[in-house]
Full PDB file with SEQRES, HELIX, SHEET, SSBOND, CRYST1, ORIGX, SCALE, CONECT and MASTER records, all heavy atoms in Angstrom:
SEQRES   1 A   32  ASN GLY GLU PHE ALA ARG THR CYS ASN GLN LEU ARG ALA          
SEQRES   2 A   32  PHE ALA GLU MET LEU LYS GLU GLY SER TRP VAL GLU ALA          
SEQRES   3 A   32  ILE ILE SER ASN PRO GLU                                      
HELIX    1 AA1 GLY A    2  GLU A   20  1                                  19    
HELIX    2 AA2 SER A   22  VAL A   24  5                                   3    
CRYST1    1.000    1.000    1.000  90.00  90.00  90.00 P 1           1          
ORIGX1      1.000000  0.000000  0.000000        0.00000                         
ORIGX2      0.000000  1.000000  0.000000        0.00000                         
ORIGX3      0.000000  0.000000  1.000000        0.00000                         
SCALE1      1.000000  0.000000  0.000000        0.00000                         
SCALE2      0.000000  1.000000  0.000000        0.00000                         
SCALE3      0.000000  0.000000  1.000000        0.00000                         
ATOM      1  N   ASN A   1      41.673 146.239 113.634  1.00  0.00           N  
ATOM      2  CA  ASN A   1      42.126 145.325 114.694  1.00  0.00           C  
ATOM      3  C   ASN A   1      42.026 145.973 116.069  1.00  0.00           C  
ATOM      4  O   ASN A   1      41.544 145.364 117.028  1.00  0.00           O  
ATOM      5  CB  ASN A   1      43.572 144.893 114.436  1.00  0.00           C  
ATOM      6  CG  ASN A   1      43.710 143.983 113.230  1.00  0.00           C  
ATOM      7  OD1 ASN A   1      42.749 143.330 112.819  1.00  0.00           O  
ATOM      8  ND2 ASN A   1      44.901 143.949 112.641  1.00  0.00           N  
ATOM      9  N   GLY A   2      42.497 147.222 116.160  1.00  0.00           N  
ATOM     10  CA  GLY A   2      42.483 147.910 117.446  1.00  0.00           C  
ATOM     11  C   GLY A   2      41.089 148.187 117.956  1.00  0.00           C  
ATOM     12  O   GLY A   2      40.800 147.979 119.145  1.00  0.00           O  
ATOM     13  N   GLU A   3      40.218 148.647 117.064  1.00  0.00           N  
ATOM     14  CA  GLU A   3      38.859 148.973 117.496  1.00  0.00           C  
ATOM     15  C   GLU A   3      38.062 147.717 117.833  1.00  0.00           C  
ATOM     16  O   GLU A   3      37.236 147.716 118.756  1.00  0.00           O  
ATOM     17  CB  GLU A   3      38.142 149.783 116.417  1.00  0.00           C  
ATOM     18  CG  GLU A   3      36.863 150.409 116.914  1.00  0.00           C  
ATOM     19  CD  GLU A   3      36.137 151.200 115.845  1.00  0.00           C  
ATOM     20  OE1 GLU A   3      36.790 151.714 114.920  1.00  0.00           O  
ATOM     21  OE2 GLU A   3      34.893 151.286 115.930  1.00  0.00           O  
ATOM     22  N   PHE A   4      38.319 146.643 117.092  1.00  0.00           N  
ATOM     23  CA  PHE A   4      37.646 145.378 117.391  1.00  0.00           C  
ATOM     24  C   PHE A   4      38.044 144.881 118.783  1.00  0.00           C  
ATOM     25  O   PHE A   4      37.190 144.480 119.589  1.00  0.00           O  
ATOM     26  CB  PHE A   4      37.999 144.332 116.337  1.00  0.00           C  
ATOM     27  CG  PHE A   4      37.307 143.014 116.517  1.00  0.00           C  
ATOM     28  CD1 PHE A   4      36.012 142.826 116.052  1.00  0.00           C  
ATOM     29  CD2 PHE A   4      37.937 141.960 117.158  1.00  0.00           C  
ATOM     30  CE1 PHE A   4      35.360 141.607 116.227  1.00  0.00           C  
ATOM     31  CE2 PHE A   4      37.304 140.744 117.347  1.00  0.00           C  
ATOM     32  CZ  PHE A   4      36.011 140.566 116.863  1.00  0.00           C  
ATOM     33  N   ALA A   5      39.346 144.925 119.077  1.00  0.00           N  
ATOM     34  CA  ALA A   5      39.819 144.488 120.390  1.00  0.00           C  
ATOM     35  C   ALA A   5      39.232 145.351 121.496  1.00  0.00           C  
ATOM     36  O   ALA A   5      38.822 144.843 122.549  1.00  0.00           O  
ATOM     37  CB  ALA A   5      41.344 144.532 120.437  1.00  0.00           C  
ATOM     38  N   ARG A   6      39.177 146.653 121.268  1.00  0.00           N  
ATOM     39  CA  ARG A   6      38.605 147.549 122.265  1.00  0.00           C  
ATOM     40  C   ARG A   6      37.143 147.211 122.534  1.00  0.00           C  
ATOM     41  O   ARG A   6      36.693 147.211 123.690  1.00  0.00           O  
ATOM     42  CB  ARG A   6      38.721 148.992 121.778  1.00  0.00           C  
ATOM     43  CG  ARG A   6      37.938 149.982 122.608  1.00  0.00           C  
ATOM     44  CD  ARG A   6      38.111 151.397 122.112  1.00  0.00           C  
ATOM     45  NE  ARG A   6      37.139 152.292 122.721  1.00  0.00           N  
ATOM     46  CZ  ARG A   6      37.198 153.617 122.624  1.00  0.00           C  
ATOM     47  NH1 ARG A   6      38.171 154.190 121.958  1.00  0.00           N  
ATOM     48  NH2 ARG A   6      36.280 154.363 123.197  1.00  0.00           N  
ATOM     49  N   THR A   7      36.391 146.893 121.475  1.00  0.00           N  
ATOM     50  CA  THR A   7      34.968 146.579 121.626  1.00  0.00           C  
ATOM     51  C   THR A   7      34.775 145.338 122.487  1.00  0.00           C  
ATOM     52  O   THR A   7      33.941 145.320 123.399  1.00  0.00           O  
ATOM     53  CB  THR A   7      34.330 146.390 120.243  1.00  0.00           C  
ATOM     54  OG1 THR A   7      34.528 147.583 119.471  1.00  0.00           O  
ATOM     55  CG2 THR A   7      32.840 146.098 120.352  1.00  0.00           C  
ATOM     56  N   CYS A   8      35.544 144.294 122.193  1.00  0.00           N  
ATOM     57  CA  CYS A   8      35.438 143.067 122.992  1.00  0.00           C  
ATOM     58  C   CYS A   8      35.914 143.297 124.426  1.00  0.00           C  
ATOM     59  O   CYS A   8      35.303 142.797 125.384  1.00  0.00           O  
ATOM     60  CB  CYS A   8      36.246 141.953 122.335  1.00  0.00           C  
ATOM     61  SG  CYS A   8      35.598 141.444 120.720  1.00  0.00           S  
ATOM     62  N   ASN A   9      36.980 144.068 124.557  1.00  0.00           N  
ATOM     63  CA  ASN A   9      37.522 144.326 125.901  1.00  0.00           C  
ATOM     64  C   ASN A   9      36.545 145.112 126.761  1.00  0.00           C  
ATOM     65  O   ASN A   9      36.427 144.865 127.969  1.00  0.00           O  
ATOM     66  CB  ASN A   9      38.844 145.070 125.796  1.00  0.00           C  
ATOM     67  CG  ASN A   9      39.969 144.192 125.256  1.00  0.00           C  
ATOM     68  OD1 ASN A   9      39.862 142.959 125.268  1.00  0.00           O  
ATOM     69  ND2 ASN A   9      41.018 144.803 124.763  1.00  0.00           N  
ATOM     70  N   GLN A  10      35.835 146.085 126.162  1.00  0.00           N  
ATOM     71  CA  GLN A  10      34.927 146.862 126.998  1.00  0.00           C  
ATOM     72  C   GLN A  10      33.689 146.051 127.380  1.00  0.00           C  
ATOM     73  O   GLN A  10      33.135 146.226 128.475  1.00  0.00           O  
ATOM     74  CB  GLN A  10      34.568 148.196 126.342  1.00  0.00           C  
ATOM     75  CG  GLN A  10      33.738 148.178 125.112  1.00  0.00           C  
ATOM     76  CD  GLN A  10      33.632 149.580 124.483  1.00  0.00           C  
ATOM     77  OE1 GLN A  10      34.269 150.535 124.901  1.00  0.00           O  
ATOM     78  NE2 GLN A  10      32.810 149.687 123.454  1.00  0.00           N  
ATOM     79  N   LEU A  11      33.271 145.120 126.521  1.00  0.00           N  
ATOM     80  CA  LEU A  11      32.195 144.207 126.908  1.00  0.00           C  
ATOM     81  C   LEU A  11      32.619 143.387 128.125  1.00  0.00           C  
ATOM     82  O   LEU A  11      31.853 143.217 129.086  1.00  0.00           O  
ATOM     83  CB  LEU A  11      31.845 143.283 125.739  1.00  0.00           C  
ATOM     84  CG  LEU A  11      31.023 143.907 124.609  1.00  0.00           C  
ATOM     85  CD1 LEU A  11      31.143 143.067 123.339  1.00  0.00           C  
ATOM     86  CD2 LEU A  11      29.560 144.048 125.014  1.00  0.00           C  
ATOM     87  N   ARG A  12      33.845 142.900 128.087  1.00  0.00           N  
ATOM     88  CA  ARG A  12      34.344 142.094 129.210  1.00  0.00           C  
ATOM     89  C   ARG A  12      34.577 142.948 130.453  1.00  0.00           C  
ATOM     90  O   ARG A  12      34.425 142.473 131.588  1.00  0.00           O  
ATOM     91  CB  ARG A  12      35.615 141.358 128.796  1.00  0.00           C  
ATOM     92  CG  ARG A  12      35.359 140.265 127.759  1.00  0.00           C  
ATOM     93  CD  ARG A  12      36.579 139.387 127.544  1.00  0.00           C  
ATOM     94  NE  ARG A  12      36.223 138.204 126.770  1.00  0.00           N  
ATOM     95  CZ  ARG A  12      36.481 138.048 125.461  1.00  0.00           C  
ATOM     96  NH1 ARG A  12      37.123 139.000 124.801  1.00  0.00           N  
ATOM     97  NH2 ARG A  12      36.124 136.946 124.832  1.00  0.00           N  
ATOM     98  N   ALA A  13      34.945 144.217 130.247  1.00  0.00           N  
ATOM     99  CA  ALA A  13      35.135 145.104 131.399  1.00  0.00           C  
ATOM    100  C   ALA A  13      33.813 145.328 132.134  1.00  0.00           C  
ATOM    101  O   ALA A  13      33.768 145.309 133.374  1.00  0.00           O  
ATOM    102  CB  ALA A  13      35.725 146.438 130.941  1.00  0.00           C  
ATOM    103  N   PHE A  14      32.737 145.521 131.389  1.00  0.00           N  
ATOM    104  CA  PHE A  14      31.433 145.669 132.038  1.00  0.00           C  
ATOM    105  C   PHE A  14      30.999 144.363 132.697  1.00  0.00           C  
ATOM    106  O   PHE A  14      30.346 144.380 133.747  1.00  0.00           O  
ATOM    107  CB  PHE A  14      30.381 146.153 131.035  1.00  0.00           C  
ATOM    108  CG  PHE A  14      30.430 147.627 130.765  1.00  0.00           C  
ATOM    109  CD1 PHE A  14      30.880 148.118 129.557  1.00  0.00           C  
ATOM    110  CD2 PHE A  14      30.039 148.532 131.743  1.00  0.00           C  
ATOM    111  CE1 PHE A  14      30.939 149.474 129.311  1.00  0.00           C  
ATOM    112  CE2 PHE A  14      30.092 149.896 131.514  1.00  0.00           C  
ATOM    113  CZ  PHE A  14      30.545 150.375 130.291  1.00  0.00           C  
ATOM    114  N   ALA A  15      31.372 143.249 132.102  1.00  0.00           N  
ATOM    115  CA  ALA A  15      31.069 141.960 132.729  1.00  0.00           C  
ATOM    116  C   ALA A  15      31.776 141.831 134.072  1.00  0.00           C  
ATOM    117  O   ALA A  15      31.178 141.386 135.070  1.00  0.00           O  
ATOM    118  CB  ALA A  15      31.470 140.819 131.799  1.00  0.00           C  
ATOM    119  N   GLU A  16      33.028 142.232 134.142  1.00  0.00           N  
ATOM    120  CA  GLU A  16      33.766 142.186 135.405  1.00  0.00           C  
ATOM    121  C   GLU A  16      33.152 143.133 136.427  1.00  0.00           C  
ATOM    122  O   GLU A  16      33.090 142.823 137.621  1.00  0.00           O  
ATOM    123  CB  GLU A  16      35.238 142.535 135.161  1.00  0.00           C  
ATOM    124  CG  GLU A  16      36.012 141.471 134.409  1.00  0.00           C  
ATOM    125  CD  GLU A  16      35.984 140.124 135.110  1.00  0.00           C  
ATOM    126  OE1 GLU A  16      36.222 140.085 136.342  1.00  0.00           O  
ATOM    127  OE2 GLU A  16      35.707 139.107 134.439  1.00  0.00           O  
ATOM    128  N   MET A  17      32.708 144.297 135.971  1.00  0.00           N  
ATOM    129  CA  MET A  17      32.037 145.239 136.869  1.00  0.00           C  
ATOM    130  C   MET A  17      30.789 144.608 137.485  1.00  0.00           C  
ATOM    131  O   MET A  17      30.526 144.741 138.694  1.00  0.00           O  
ATOM    132  CB  MET A  17      31.651 146.501 136.087  1.00  0.00           C  
ATOM    133  CG  MET A  17      30.904 147.545 136.900  1.00  0.00           C  
ATOM    134  SD  MET A  17      30.020 148.742 135.857  1.00  0.00           S  
ATOM    135  CE  MET A  17      28.582 147.749 135.357  1.00  0.00           C  
ATOM    136  N   LEU A  18      30.037 143.897 136.643  1.00  0.00           N  
ATOM    137  CA  LEU A  18      28.824 143.246 137.139  1.00  0.00           C  
ATOM    138  C   LEU A  18      29.160 142.146 138.142  1.00  0.00           C  
ATOM    139  O   LEU A  18      28.481 141.992 139.167  1.00  0.00           O  
ATOM    140  CB  LEU A  18      28.038 142.663 135.961  1.00  0.00           C  
ATOM    141  CG  LEU A  18      27.348 143.665 135.044  1.00  0.00           C  
ATOM    142  CD1 LEU A  18      26.808 142.964 133.803  1.00  0.00           C  
ATOM    143  CD2 LEU A  18      26.215 144.375 135.773  1.00  0.00           C  
ATOM    144  N   LYS A  19      30.183 141.385 137.854  1.00  0.00           N  
ATOM    145  CA  LYS A  19      30.538 140.285 138.773  1.00  0.00           C  
ATOM    146  C   LYS A  19      31.029 140.797 140.116  1.00  0.00           C  
ATOM    147  O   LYS A  19      30.789 140.163 141.143  1.00  0.00           O  
ATOM    148  CB  LYS A  19      31.592 139.390 138.105  1.00  0.00           C  
ATOM    149  CG  LYS A  19      31.011 138.526 137.002  1.00  0.00           C  
ATOM    150  CD  LYS A  19      31.999 137.510 136.469  1.00  0.00           C  
ATOM    151  CE  LYS A  19      32.938 138.075 135.459  1.00  0.00           C  
ATOM    152  NZ  LYS A  19      33.764 137.034 134.792  1.00  0.00           N  
ATOM    153  N   GLU A  20      31.692 141.963 140.115  1.00  0.00           N  
ATOM    154  CA  GLU A  20      32.096 142.567 141.393  1.00  0.00           C  
ATOM    155  C   GLU A  20      30.885 143.107 142.139  1.00  0.00           C  
ATOM    156  O   GLU A  20      30.762 142.927 143.355  1.00  0.00           O  
ATOM    157  CB  GLU A  20      33.128 143.670 141.123  1.00  0.00           C  
ATOM    158  CG  GLU A  20      33.814 144.216 142.361  1.00  0.00           C  
ATOM    159  CD  GLU A  20      32.971 145.220 143.133  1.00  0.00           C  
ATOM    160  OE1 GLU A  20      32.190 145.951 142.476  1.00  0.00           O  
ATOM    161  OE2 GLU A  20      33.083 145.289 144.370  1.00  0.00           O  
ATOM    162  N   GLY A  21      29.968 143.810 141.450  1.00  0.00           N  
ATOM    163  CA  GLY A  21      28.657 144.114 141.987  1.00  0.00           C  
ATOM    164  C   GLY A  21      28.420 145.438 142.671  1.00  0.00           C  
ATOM    165  O   GLY A  21      27.271 145.839 142.857  1.00  0.00           O  
ATOM    166  N   SER A  22      29.465 146.147 143.069  1.00  0.00           N  
ATOM    167  CA  SER A  22      29.261 147.371 143.851  1.00  0.00           C  
ATOM    168  C   SER A  22      28.736 148.544 143.033  1.00  0.00           C  
ATOM    169  O   SER A  22      28.385 149.582 143.597  1.00  0.00           O  
ATOM    170  CB  SER A  22      30.576 147.782 144.533  1.00  0.00           C  
ATOM    171  OG  SER A  22      31.028 146.779 145.409  1.00  0.00           O  
ATOM    172  N   TRP A  23      28.648 148.379 141.707  1.00  0.00           N  
ATOM    173  CA  TRP A  23      28.188 149.460 140.831  1.00  0.00           C  
ATOM    174  C   TRP A  23      26.771 149.937 141.169  1.00  0.00           C  
ATOM    175  O   TRP A  23      26.405 151.060 140.828  1.00  0.00           O  
ATOM    176  CB  TRP A  23      28.234 148.996 139.371  1.00  0.00           C  
ATOM    177  CG  TRP A  23      27.144 148.012 139.027  1.00  0.00           C  
ATOM    178  CD1 TRP A  23      27.173 146.672 139.212  1.00  0.00           C  
ATOM    179  CD2 TRP A  23      25.872 148.323 138.464  1.00  0.00           C  
ATOM    180  NE1 TRP A  23      25.993 146.105 138.818  1.00  0.00           N  
ATOM    181  CE2 TRP A  23      25.174 147.103 138.350  1.00  0.00           C  
ATOM    182  CE3 TRP A  23      25.245 149.493 138.060  1.00  0.00           C  
ATOM    183  CZ2 TRP A  23      23.881 147.030 137.823  1.00  0.00           C  
ATOM    184  CZ3 TRP A  23      23.961 149.429 137.544  1.00  0.00           C  
ATOM    185  CH2 TRP A  23      23.286 148.201 137.436  1.00  0.00           C  
ATOM    186  N   VAL A  24      25.977 149.121 141.864  1.00  0.00           N  
ATOM    187  CA  VAL A  24      24.588 149.497 142.176  1.00  0.00           C  
ATOM    188  C   VAL A  24      24.496 150.569 143.256  1.00  0.00           C  
ATOM    189  O   VAL A  24      23.430 151.098 143.531  1.00  0.00           O  
ATOM    190  CB  VAL A  24      23.757 148.275 142.610  1.00  0.00           C  
ATOM    191  CG1 VAL A  24      23.650 147.261 141.490  1.00  0.00           C  
ATOM    192  CG2 VAL A  24      24.335 147.637 143.871  1.00  0.00           C  
ATOM    193  N   GLU A  25      25.637 150.911 143.878  1.00  0.00           N  
ATOM    194  CA  GLU A  25      25.704 151.988 144.868  1.00  0.00           C  
ATOM    195  C   GLU A  25      24.703 151.785 146.010  1.00  0.00           C  
ATOM    196  O   GLU A  25      23.872 152.640 146.324  1.00  0.00           O  
ATOM    197  CB  GLU A  25      25.466 153.351 144.209  1.00  0.00           C  
ATOM    198  CG  GLU A  25      26.517 153.694 143.160  1.00  0.00           C  
ATOM    199  CD  GLU A  25      26.266 155.030 142.486  1.00  0.00           C  
ATOM    200  OE1 GLU A  25      25.183 155.614 142.668  1.00  0.00           O  
ATOM    201  OE2 GLU A  25      27.169 155.493 141.755  1.00  0.00           O  
ATOM    202  N   ALA A  26      24.787 150.636 146.647  1.00  0.00           N  
ATOM    203  CA  ALA A  26      23.883 150.307 147.750  1.00  0.00           C  
ATOM    204  C   ALA A  26      24.170 151.189 148.962  1.00  0.00           C  
ATOM    205  O   ALA A  26      25.316 151.314 149.397  1.00  0.00           O  
ATOM    206  CB  ALA A  26      24.026 148.841 148.126  1.00  0.00           C  
ATOM    207  N   ILE A  27      23.115 151.784 149.501  1.00  0.00           N  
ATOM    208  CA  ILE A  27      23.213 152.649 150.686  1.00  0.00           C  
ATOM    209  C   ILE A  27      22.148 152.216 151.684  1.00  0.00           C  
ATOM    210  O   ILE A  27      20.973 152.059 151.323  1.00  0.00           O  
ATOM    211  CB  ILE A  27      23.009 154.138 150.326  1.00  0.00           C  
ATOM    212  CG1 ILE A  27      24.004 154.580 149.243  1.00  0.00           C  
ATOM    213  CG2 ILE A  27      23.143 155.014 151.562  1.00  0.00           C  
ATOM    214  CD1 ILE A  27      23.756 155.993 148.724  1.00  0.00           C  
ATOM    215  N   ILE A  28      22.557 152.027 152.906  1.00  0.00           N  
ATOM    216  CA  ILE A  28      21.616 151.649 153.964  1.00  0.00           C  
ATOM    217  C   ILE A  28      21.701 152.673 155.089  1.00  0.00           C  
ATOM    218  O   ILE A  28      22.783 152.942 155.623  1.00  0.00           O  
ATOM    219  CB  ILE A  28      21.919 150.239 154.508  1.00  0.00           C  
ATOM    220  CG1 ILE A  28      21.789 149.202 153.389  1.00  0.00           C  
ATOM    221  CG2 ILE A  28      20.999 149.888 155.682  1.00  0.00           C  
ATOM    222  CD1 ILE A  28      22.191 147.802 153.790  1.00  0.00           C  
ATOM    223  N   SER A  29      20.571 153.252 155.446  1.00  0.00           N  
ATOM    224  CA  SER A  29      20.496 154.205 156.567  1.00  0.00           C  
ATOM    225  C   SER A  29      19.436 153.697 157.542  1.00  0.00           C  
ATOM    226  O   SER A  29      18.231 153.751 157.254  1.00  0.00           O  
ATOM    227  CB  SER A  29      20.127 155.604 156.059  1.00  0.00           C  
ATOM    228  OG  SER A  29      21.105 156.104 155.178  1.00  0.00           O  
ATOM    229  N   ASN A  30      19.879 153.194 158.700  1.00  0.00           N  
ATOM    230  CA  ASN A  30      18.914 152.683 159.690  1.00  0.00           C  
ATOM    231  C   ASN A  30      19.370 152.959 161.124  1.00  0.00           C  
ATOM    232  O   ASN A  30      19.433 152.045 161.951  1.00  0.00           O  
ATOM    233  CB  ASN A  30      18.669 151.189 159.477  1.00  0.00           C  
ATOM    234  CG  ASN A  30      19.918 150.346 159.660  1.00  0.00           C  
ATOM    235  OD1 ASN A  30      21.020 150.880 159.762  1.00  0.00           O  
ATOM    236  ND2 ASN A  30      19.743 149.028 159.716  1.00  0.00           N  
ATOM    237  N   PRO A  31      19.699 154.208 161.432  1.00  0.00           N  
ATOM    238  CA  PRO A  31      20.073 154.506 162.823  1.00  0.00           C  
ATOM    239  C   PRO A  31      18.895 154.241 163.763  1.00  0.00           C  
ATOM    240  O   PRO A  31      17.719 154.320 163.356  1.00  0.00           O  
ATOM    241  CB  PRO A  31      20.444 155.989 162.776  1.00  0.00           C  
ATOM    242  CG  PRO A  31      19.716 156.526 161.592  1.00  0.00           C  
ATOM    243  CD  PRO A  31      19.674 155.431 160.594  1.00  0.00           C  
ATOM    244  N   GLU A  32      19.202 153.944 164.997  1.00  0.00           N  
ATOM    245  CA  GLU A  32      18.161 153.595 165.968  1.00  0.00           C  
ATOM    246  C   GLU A  32      17.142 154.731 166.100  1.00  0.00           C  
ATOM    247  O   GLU A  32      17.493 155.899 166.187  1.00  0.00           O  
ATOM    248  CB  GLU A  32      18.802 153.309 167.333  1.00  0.00           C  
ATOM    249  CG  GLU A  32      17.830 152.750 168.362  1.00  0.00           C  
ATOM    250  CD  GLU A  32      18.519 152.364 169.651  1.00  0.00           C  
ATOM    251  OE1 GLU A  32      19.772 152.348 169.678  1.00  0.00           O  
ATOM    252  OE2 GLU A  32      17.810 152.084 170.631  1.00  0.00           O  
TER     253      GLU A  32                                                      
MASTER        0    0    0    2    0    0    0    6  252    1    0    3          
END                                                                             
């Protein structure tokens, strides 16, 4: 029961990470 719940929860945790979006570590450098 515990491991099954953990498996589903971590799938959903990665889904939330994707929906937030900052995981791609976007960096912009364009000084004049």
